[in-house]
C-alpha atoms as a PDB file:
ATOM      1  CA  UNK A   1     -19.844  28.840  -8.795  1.00  0.00           C
ATOM      2  CA  UNK A   2     -23.574  28.734  -9.530  1.00  0.00           C
ATOM      3  CA  UNK A   3     -23.012  27.320 -13.051  1.00  0.00           C
ATOM      4  CA  UNK A   4     -21.994  23.950 -11.664  1.00  0.00           C
ATOM      5  CA  UNK A   5     -24.768  23.827  -9.087  1.00  0.00           C
ATOM      6  CA  UNK A   6     -22.497  23.723  -6.052  1.00  0.00           C
ATOM      7  CA  UNK A   7     -23.736  27.039  -4.663  1.00  0.00           C
ATOM      8  CA  UNK A   8     -27.261  25.643  -4.479  1.00  0.00           C
ATOM      9  CA  UNK A   9     -26.351  22.622  -2.349  1.00  0.00           C
ATOM     10  CA  UNK A  10     -27.945  22.666   1.097  1.00  0.00           C
ATOM     11  CA  UNK A  11     -24.916  22.276   3.377  1.00  0.00           C
ATOM     12  CA  UNK A  12     -21.278  23.362   3.415  1.00  0.00           C
ATOM     13  CA  UNK A  13     -20.337  19.710   3.832  1.00  0.00           C
ATOM     14  CA  UNK A  14     -22.122  18.821   0.570  1.00  0.00           C
ATOM     15  CA  UNK A  15     -20.450  21.742  -1.211  1.00  0.00           C
ATOM     16  CA  UNK A  16     -17.040  20.661   0.020  1.00  0.00           C
ATOM     17  CA  UNK A  17     -17.576  17.081  -1.153  1.00  0.00           C
ATOM     18  CA  UNK A  18     -18.856  18.277  -4.554  1.00  0.00           C
ATOM     19  CA  UNK A  19     -15.824  20.505  -5.088  1.00  0.00           C
ATOM     20  CA  UNK A  20     -13.522  17.588  -4.285  1.00  0.00           C
ATOM     21  CA  UNK A  21     -15.382  15.352  -6.739  1.00  0.00           C
ATOM     22  CA  UNK A  22     -14.834  17.873  -9.547  1.00  0.00           C
ATOM     23  CA  UNK A  23     -11.179  18.345  -8.578  1.00  0.00           C
ATOM     24  CA  UNK A  24     -10.676  14.581  -8.460  1.00  0.00           C
ATOM     25  CA  UNK A  25     -12.168  14.059 -11.918  1.00  0.00           C
ATOM     26  CA  UNK A  26     -10.055  16.880 -13.316  1.00  0.00           C
ATOM     27  CA  UNK A  27      -6.856  15.543 -11.777  1.00  0.00           C
ATOM     28  CA  UNK A  28      -7.632  12.080 -13.136  1.00  0.00           C
ATOM     29  CA  UNK A  29      -7.961  13.531 -16.636  1.00  0.00           C
ATOM     30  CA  UNK A  30     -11.699  13.273 -17.256  1.00  0.00           C
ATOM     31  CA  UNK A  31     -13.695  15.953 -19.118  1.00  0.00           C
ATOM     32  CA  UNK A  32     -15.440  18.216 -16.598  1.00  0.00           C
ATOM     33  CA  UNK A  33     -18.076  20.557 -18.045  1.00  0.00           C
ATOM     34  CA  UNK A  34     -18.939  23.978 -16.600  1.00  0.00           C
ATOM     35  CA  UNK A  35     -22.001  22.449 -14.937  1.00  0.00           C
ATOM     36  CA  UNK A  36     -19.839  19.881 -13.172  1.00  0.00           C
ATOM     37  CA  UNK A  37     -20.814  16.936 -15.387  1.00  0.00           C
ATOM     38  CA  UNK A  38     -18.027  14.359 -15.792  1.00  0.00           C
ATOM     39  CA  UNK A  39     -17.766  12.613 -19.159  1.00  0.00           C
ATOM     40  CA  UNK A  40     -15.360  10.645 -21.308  1.00  0.00           C
ATOM     41  CA  UNK A  41     -12.346   8.641 -20.262  1.00  0.00           C
ATOM     42  CA  UNK A  42      -9.197   9.812 -18.564  1.00  0.00           C
ATOM     43  CA  UNK A  43      -6.376  11.020 -20.762  1.00  0.00           C
ATOM     44  CA  UNK A  44      -3.157   9.559 -19.413  1.00  0.00           C
ATOM     45  CA  UNK A  45      -1.095  11.712 -21.802  1.00  0.00           C
ATOM     46  CA  UNK A  46      -1.932  14.899 -19.939  1.00  0.00           C
ATOM     47  CA  UNK A  47       0.837  16.269 -17.675  1.00  0.00           C
ATOM     48  CA  UNK A  48      -1.617  16.602 -14.773  1.00  0.00           C
ATOM     49  CA  UNK A  49      -2.812  12.982 -15.012  1.00  0.00           C
ATOM     50  CA  UNK A  50      -2.490  10.998 -11.802  1.00  0.00           C
ATOM     51  CA  UNK A  51      -4.310   7.658 -11.921  1.00  0.00           C
ATOM     52  CA  UNK A  52      -4.686   7.473  -8.163  1.00  0.00           C
ATOM     53  CA  UNK A  53      -5.686  11.041  -7.369  1.00  0.00           C
ATOM     54  CA  UNK A  54      -8.470  10.114  -4.971  1.00  0.00           C
ATOM     55  CA  UNK A  55      -9.545  13.188  -3.036  1.00  0.00           C
ATOM     56  CA  UNK A  56     -11.403  12.670   0.227  1.00  0.00           C
ATOM     57  CA  UNK A  57     -12.901  15.180   2.650  1.00  0.00           C
ATOM     58  CA  UNK A  58     -11.381  13.124   5.483  1.00  0.00           C
ATOM     59  CA  UNK A  59      -7.898  14.136   4.351  1.00  0.00           C
ATOM     60  CA  UNK A  60      -8.407  17.900   4.283  1.00  0.00           C
ATOM     61  CA  UNK A  61      -6.785  19.957   7.058  1.00  0.00           C
ATOM     62  CA  UNK A  62     -10.305  21.060   8.044  1.00  0.00           C
ATOM     63  CA  UNK A  63     -13.711  19.696   7.098  1.00  0.00           C
ATOM     64  CA  UNK A  64     -17.403  20.446   7.552  1.00  0.00           C
ATOM     65  CA  UNK A  65     -19.429  17.848   9.436  1.00  0.00           C
ATOM     66  CA  UNK A  66     -22.655  17.153   7.579  1.00  0.00           C
ATOM     67  CA  UNK A  67     -25.863  18.922   8.498  1.00  0.00           C
ATOM     68  CA  UNK A  68     -24.308  20.442  11.626  1.00  0.00           C
ATOM     69  CA  UNK A  69     -22.003  22.410   9.325  1.00  0.00           C
ATOM     70  CA  UNK A  70     -19.418  22.646  12.068  1.00  0.00           C
ATOM     71  CA  UNK A  71     -15.849  23.199  10.896  1.00  0.00           C
ATOM     72  CA  UNK A  72     -13.433  20.789  12.593  1.00  0.00           C
ATOM     73  CA  UNK A  73      -9.706  20.144  12.416  1.00  0.00           C
ATOM     74  CA  UNK A  74      -8.616  16.966  10.677  1.00  0.00           C
ATOM     75  CA  UNK A  75      -4.978  16.195  11.485  1.00  0.00           C
ATOM     76  CA  UNK A  76      -4.849  13.132   9.146  1.00  0.00           C
ATOM     77  CA  UNK A  77      -2.162  11.548  11.323  1.00  0.00           C
ATOM     78  CA  UNK A  78      -2.716   7.970  10.213  1.00  0.00           C
ATOM     79  CA  UNK A  79       0.225   7.885   7.829  1.00  0.00           C
ATOM     80  CA  UNK A  80       0.187   6.869   4.183  1.00  0.00           C
ATOM     81  CA  UNK A  81      -2.961   5.157   2.931  1.00  0.00           C
ATOM     82  CA  UNK A  82      -3.423   2.898  -0.076  1.00  0.00           C
ATOM     83  CA  UNK A  83      -3.158   4.658  -3.443  1.00  0.00           C
ATOM     84  CA  UNK A  84      -1.727   7.928  -2.115  1.00  0.00           C
ATOM     85  CA  UNK A  85       1.524   8.054  -4.137  1.00  0.00           C
ATOM     86  CA  UNK A  86       1.705  11.844  -4.214  1.00  0.00           C
ATOM     87  CA  UNK A  87       2.592  11.769  -0.503  1.00  0.00           C
ATOM     88  CA  UNK A  88       6.394  11.540  -0.529  1.00  0.00           C
ATOM     89  CA  UNK A  89       7.757   8.008  -0.359  1.00  0.00           C
ATOM     90  CA  UNK A  90      11.368   6.964  -0.060  1.00  0.00           C
ATOM     91  CA  UNK A  91      12.475   4.570  -2.778  1.00  0.00           C
ATOM     92  CA  UNK A  92      15.015   1.794  -2.841  1.00  0.00           C
ATOM     93  CA  UNK A  93      13.558  -0.685  -0.385  1.00  0.00           C
ATOM     94  CA  UNK A  94      11.083  -1.555   2.329  1.00  0.00           C
ATOM     95  CA  UNK A  95      11.400  -1.156   6.075  1.00  0.00           C
ATOM     96  CA  UNK A  96      12.528  -4.229   8.015  1.00  0.00           C
ATOM     97  CA  UNK A  97      12.096  -4.769  11.754  1.00  0.00           C
ATOM     98  CA  UNK A  98      13.934  -7.610  13.509  1.00  0.00           C
ATOM     99  CA  UNK A  99      12.745  -9.477  16.605  1.00  0.00           C
ATOM    100  CA  UNK A 100      14.081 -12.043  19.056  1.00  0.00           C
ATOM    101  CA  UNK A 101      11.687 -14.982  19.152  1.00  0.00           C
ATOM    102  CA  UNK A 102       9.757 -16.929  16.552  1.00  0.00           C
ATOM    103  CA  UNK A 103       6.433 -15.518  15.342  1.00  0.00           C
ATOM    104  CA  UNK A 104       5.061 -19.038  14.745  1.00  0.00           C
ATOM    105  CA  UNK A 105       2.475 -17.923  12.154  1.00  0.00           C
ATOM    106  CA  UNK A 106       0.748 -15.713  14.739  1.00  0.00           C
ATOM    107  CA  UNK A 107      -0.141 -12.406  13.055  1.00  0.00           C
ATOM    108  CA  UNK A 108      -0.607 -10.715  16.448  1.00  0.00           C
ATOM    109  CA  UNK A 109       2.912 -11.587  17.631  1.00  0.00           C
ATOM    110  CA  UNK A 110       5.032  -9.020  15.798  1.00  0.00           C
ATOM    111  CA  UNK A 111       2.675  -6.030  16.274  1.00  0.00           C
ATOM    112  CA  UNK A 112       2.851  -6.614  20.022  1.00  0.00           C
ATOM    113  CA  UNK A 113       6.572  -7.418  20.250  1.00  0.00           C
ATOM    114  CA  UNK A 114       9.471  -4.984  20.633  1.00  0.00           C
ATOM    115  CA  UNK A 115      11.902  -4.925  17.735  1.00  0.00           C
ATOM    116  CA  UNK A 116      15.605  -5.335  18.440  1.00  0.00           C
ATOM    117  CA  UNK A 117      16.735  -3.437  15.331  1.00  0.00           C
ATOM    118  CA  UNK A 118      15.456  -1.938  12.084  1.00  0.00           C
ATOM    119  CA  UNK A 119      16.796  -0.999   8.676  1.00  0.00           C
ATOM    120  CA  UNK A 120      15.858  -0.402   5.052  1.00  0.00           C
ATOM    121  CA  UNK A 121      15.946  -3.724   3.190  1.00  0.00           C
ATOM    122  CA  UNK A 122      16.594  -3.512  -0.546  1.00  0.00           C
ATOM    123  CA  UNK A 123      14.822  -6.830  -1.198  1.00  0.00           C
ATOM    124  CA  UNK A 124      12.744  -9.549   0.416  1.00  0.00           C
ATOM    125  CA  UNK A 125      15.688 -11.949   0.355  1.00  0.00           C
ATOM    126  CA  UNK A 126      17.276 -13.143   3.593  1.00  0.00           C
ATOM    127  CA  UNK A 127      20.016 -15.622   2.752  1.00  0.00           C
ATOM    128  CA  UNK A 128      20.703 -16.706   6.323  1.00  0.00           C
ATOM    129  CA  UNK A 129      18.463 -16.156   9.332  1.00  0.00           C
ATOM    130  CA  UNK A 130      19.499 -16.836  12.924  1.00  0.00           C
ATOM    131  CA  UNK A 131      17.720 -19.348  15.128  1.00  0.00           C
ATOM    132  CA  UNK A 132      14.632 -18.123  16.962  1.00  0.00           C
ATOM    133  CA  UNK A 133      14.389 -14.821  15.148  1.00  0.00           C
ATOM    134  CA  UNK A 134      11.628 -13.055  13.201  1.00  0.00           C
ATOM    135  CA  UNK A 135      11.421 -10.257  10.634  1.00  0.00           C
ATOM    136  CA  UNK A 136       8.628  -7.852   9.699  1.00  0.00           C
ATOM    137  CA  UNK A 137       9.053  -6.174   6.300  1.00  0.00           C
ATOM    138  CA  UNK A 138       6.625  -3.509   5.076  1.00  0.00           C
ATOM    139  CA  UNK A 139       6.363  -0.830   2.440  1.00  0.00           C
ATOM    140  CA  UNK A 140       5.024  -0.330  -1.075  1.00  0.00           C
ATOM    141  CA  UNK A 141       5.362  -2.154  -4.375  1.00  0.00           C
ATOM    142  CA  UNK A 142       5.181   0.056  -7.474  1.00  0.00           C
ATOM    143  CA  UNK A 143       3.581  -2.095 -10.167  1.00  0.00           C
ATOM    144  CA  UNK A 144       5.067  -1.773 -13.653  1.00  0.00           C
ATOM    145  CA  UNK A 145       2.631  -4.093 -15.427  1.00  0.00           C
ATOM    146  CA  UNK A 146      -1.160  -4.285 -15.656  1.00  0.00           C
ATOM    147  CA  UNK A 147      -2.468  -7.815 -15.413  1.00  0.00           C
ATOM    148  CA  UNK A 148      -1.947 -10.988 -13.425  1.00  0.00           C
ATOM    149  CA  UNK A 149       1.180 -11.260 -11.300  1.00  0.00           C
ATOM    150  CA  UNK A 150       2.465 -14.491  -9.790  1.00  0.00           C
ATOM    151  CA  UNK A 151       4.437 -14.242  -6.560  1.00  0.00           C
ATOM    152  CA  UNK A 152       6.588 -17.107  -5.307  1.00  0.00           C
ATOM    153  CA  UNK A 153       7.892 -17.312  -1.756  1.00  0.00           C
ATOM    154  CA  UNK A 154      10.258 -19.739  -0.079  1.00  0.00           C
ATOM    155  CA  UNK A 155      10.351 -19.456   3.704  1.00  0.00           C
ATOM    156  CA  UNK A 156      12.214 -21.535   6.287  1.00  0.00           C
ATOM    157  CA  UNK A 157      10.658 -21.888   8.777  1.00  0.00           C
ATOM    158  CA  UNK A 158       7.584 -19.769   8.027  1.00  0.00           C
ATOM    159  CA  UNK A 159       6.597 -16.655   6.085  1.00  0.00           C
ATOM    160  CA  UNK A 160       3.423 -14.939   4.883  1.00  0.00           C
ATOM    161  CA  UNK A 161       2.813 -12.251   2.240  1.00  0.00           C
ATOM    162  CA  UNK A 162       0.056  -9.643   1.933  1.00  0.00           C
ATOM    163  CA  UNK A 163      -0.388  -7.177  -0.950  1.00  0.00           C
ATOM    164  CA  UNK A 164      -3.084  -4.488  -0.979  1.00  0.00           C
ATOM    165  CA  UNK A 165      -5.322  -3.136   1.808  1.00  0.00           C
ATOM    166  CA  UNK A 166      -4.868  -6.222   4.014  1.00  0.00           C
ATOM    167  CA  UNK A 167      -1.171  -5.381   4.252  1.00  0.00           C
ATOM    168  CA  UNK A 168      -2.210  -2.317   6.260  1.00  0.00           C
ATOM    169  CA  UNK A 169      -4.962  -3.652   8.500  1.00  0.00           C
ATOM    170  CA  UNK A 170      -7.109  -6.727   8.943  1.00  0.00           C
ATOM    171  CA  UNK A 171      -4.349  -9.155   7.950  1.00  0.00           C
ATOM    172  CA  UNK A 172      -4.780 -12.811   8.950  1.00  0.00           C
ATOM    173  CA  UNK A 173      -3.215 -16.036   7.750  1.00  0.00           C
ATOM    174  CA  UNK A 174      -6.502 -16.730   6.017  1.00  0.00           C
ATOM    175  CA  UNK A 175      -6.284 -13.648   3.765  1.00  0.00           C
ATOM    176  CA  UNK A 176      -2.539 -13.812   3.079  1.00  0.00           C
ATOM    177  CA  UNK A 177      -1.622 -14.081  -0.587  1.00  0.00           C
ATOM    178  CA  UNK A 178       1.037 -16.630   0.364  1.00  0.00           C
ATOM    179  CA  UNK A 179       1.647 -18.655   3.519  1.00  0.00           C
ATOM    180  CA  UNK A 180       4.824 -20.747   3.169  1.00  0.00           C
ATOM    181  CA  UNK A 181       6.340 -23.164   5.692  1.00  0.00           C
ATOM    182  CA  UNK A 182       9.708 -24.705   4.754  1.00  0.00           C
ATOM    183  CA  UNK A 183       8.436 -24.769   1.183  1.00  0.00           C
ATOM    184  CA  UNK A 184       7.897 -22.694  -1.958  1.00  0.00           C
ATOM    185  CA  UNK A 185       4.337 -21.415  -2.357  1.00  0.00           C
ATOM    186  CA  UNK A 186       2.877 -19.253  -5.135  1.00  0.00           C
ATOM    187  CA  UNK A 187      -0.049 -16.851  -5.268  1.00  0.00           C
ATOM    188  CA  UNK A 188      -1.565 -14.700  -8.027  1.00  0.00           C
ATOM    189  CA  UNK A 189      -2.998 -11.186  -7.900  1.00  0.00           C
ATOM    190  CA  UNK A 190      -4.120  -8.605 -10.472  1.00  0.00           C
ATOM    191  CA  UNK A 191      -2.183  -5.325 -10.301  1.00  0.00           C
ATOM    192  CA  UNK A 192      -2.312  -2.086 -12.267  1.00  0.00           C
ATOM    193  CA  UNK A 193       0.820  -0.377 -13.573  1.00  0.00           C
ATOM    194  CA  UNK A 194       1.651   2.879 -11.836  1.00  0.00           C
ATOM    195  CA  UNK A 195      -0.113   2.006  -8.586  1.00  0.00           C
ATOM    196  CA  UNK A 196       1.736   1.809  -5.274  1.00  0.00           C
ATOM    197  CA  UNK A 197       0.475  -1.270  -3.430  1.00  0.00           C
ATOM    198  CA  UNK A 198       1.067  -1.824   0.287  1.00  0.00           C
ATOM    199  CA  UNK A 199       3.147  -4.977   0.701  1.00  0.00           C
ATOM    200  CA  UNK A 200       4.003  -6.792   3.915  1.00  0.00           C
ATOM    201  CA  UNK A 201       5.892  -9.943   4.848  1.00  0.00           C
ATOM    202  CA  UNK A 202       6.011 -11.630   8.239  1.00  0.00           C
ATOM    203  CA  UNK A 203       8.822 -14.160   8.461  1.00  0.00           C
ATOM    204  CA  UNK A 204      10.660 -16.140  11.071  1.00  0.00           C
ATOM    205  CA  UNK A 205      13.103 -18.968  11.677  1.00  0.00           C
ATOM    206  CA  UNK A 206      12.678 -21.319  14.625  1.00  0.00           C
ATOM    207  CA  UNK A 207      15.335 -24.039  14.507  1.00  0.00           C
ATOM    208  CA  UNK A 208      18.528 -24.421  12.503  1.00  0.00           C
ATOM    209  CA  UNK A 209      19.497 -22.248   9.511  1.00  0.00           C
ATOM    210  CA  UNK A 210      16.686 -20.305   7.863  1.00  0.00           C
ATOM    211  CA  UNK A 211      16.141 -18.209   4.747  1.00  0.00           C
ATOM    212  CA  UNK A 212      13.536 -16.187   2.859  1.00  0.00           C
ATOM    213  CA  UNK A 213      13.118 -15.402  -0.837  1.00  0.00           C
ATOM    214  CA  UNK A 214      10.274 -13.591  -2.611  1.00  0.00           C
ATOM    215  CA  UNK A 215      10.101 -13.518  -6.413  1.00  0.00           C
ATOM    216  CA  UNK A 216       7.542 -12.489  -9.014  1.00  0.00           C
ATOM    217  CA  UNK A 217       6.652 -13.064 -12.656  1.00  0.00           C
ATOM    218  CA  UNK A 218       4.050 -11.930 -15.191  1.00  0.00           C
ATOM    219  CA  UNK A 219       3.603 -11.943 -18.961  1.00  0.00           C
ATOM    220  CA  UNK A 220       6.900 -10.834 -20.446  1.00  0.00           C
ATOM    221  CA  UNK A 221       8.744 -11.184 -17.132  1.00  0.00           C
ATOM    222  CA  UNK A 222      10.280 -14.488 -16.057  1.00  0.00           C
ATOM    223  CA  UNK A 223      10.546 -15.350 -12.376  1.00  0.00           C
ATOM    224  CA  UNK A 224      12.926 -12.951 -10.636  1.00  0.00           C
ATOM    225  CA  UNK A 225      13.571 -11.262  -7.290  1.00  0.00           C
ATOM    226  CA  UNK A 226      11.586  -8.093  -6.542  1.00  0.00           C
ATOM    227  CA  UNK A 227      14.073  -5.290  -7.383  1.00  0.00           C
ATOM    228  CA  UNK A 228      14.748  -2.362  -5.093  1.00  0.00           C
ATOM    229  CA  UNK A 229      13.628   0.031  -7.857  1.00  0.00           C
ATOM    230  CA  UNK A 230      10.047  -1.187  -7.332  1.00  0.00           C
ATOM    231  CA  UNK A 231      10.118  -0.910  -3.540  1.00  0.00           C
ATOM    232  CA  UNK A 232       9.244   2.136  -1.410  1.00  0.00           C
ATOM    233  CA  UNK A 233       8.384   2.967   2.188  1.00  0.00           C
ATOM    234  CA  UNK A 234       6.770   5.793   4.084  1.00  0.00           C
ATOM    235  CA  UNK A 235       9.526   7.686   5.966  1.00  0.00           C
ATOM    236  CA  UNK A 236       6.961   9.179   8.352  1.00  0.00           C
ATOM    237  CA  UNK A 237       5.865   5.813   9.719  1.00  0.00           C
ATOM    238  CA  UNK A 238       8.986   3.835   8.711  1.00  0.00           C
ATOM    239  CA  UNK A 239       6.904   1.351   6.802  1.00  0.00           C
ATOM    240  CA  UNK A 240       3.390   1.599   5.466  1.00  0.00           C
END
């Protein structure tokens, strides 16, 4: 323990954080010397390589609290967080909640409404939506390409798309990747292959027949529907 300097750190909290930093670098495939120095680049060919192995003291069952060095329980009950793919996800779709009433581009409406039903949706396509009804779809997109992605959404009457941290919290119409109203709207975002990205769609139909379609494209991939093989959800929270 003393060879890597951890034993000489002043608090148990600092020691715990240092150990996690070494474990994180090792799990990500970097070279970790006996003294704890991290060098080189990750080796994605190693069987232990996990690109998103981000280890945090806040996710341990127990943790030390800084200079006080008190040991406290940490239930980590917040559900799945961004870039935590080693927590078991269920594949084949995203979770869809249905609501009576039209969300009317109000991002506070669905979180405060009571859903009338829920199911696992295998795509973001709704071919026919009833009058005065809304849908909230949420889960994870497993990227299979590193680079710029273009997403295209058609929504009648209105739909918005978020990908990344804002799909979990802090979402507004202003930071949506796409906000479509009886039209087709596109948005671009850079994604990394092998990463599970939170993805969320709020959609609703006010008057007459309605529908929703979300497609994507990137270099080497023409515009197509998001397949169920790329969609996942957290079974603990039934969503994100």
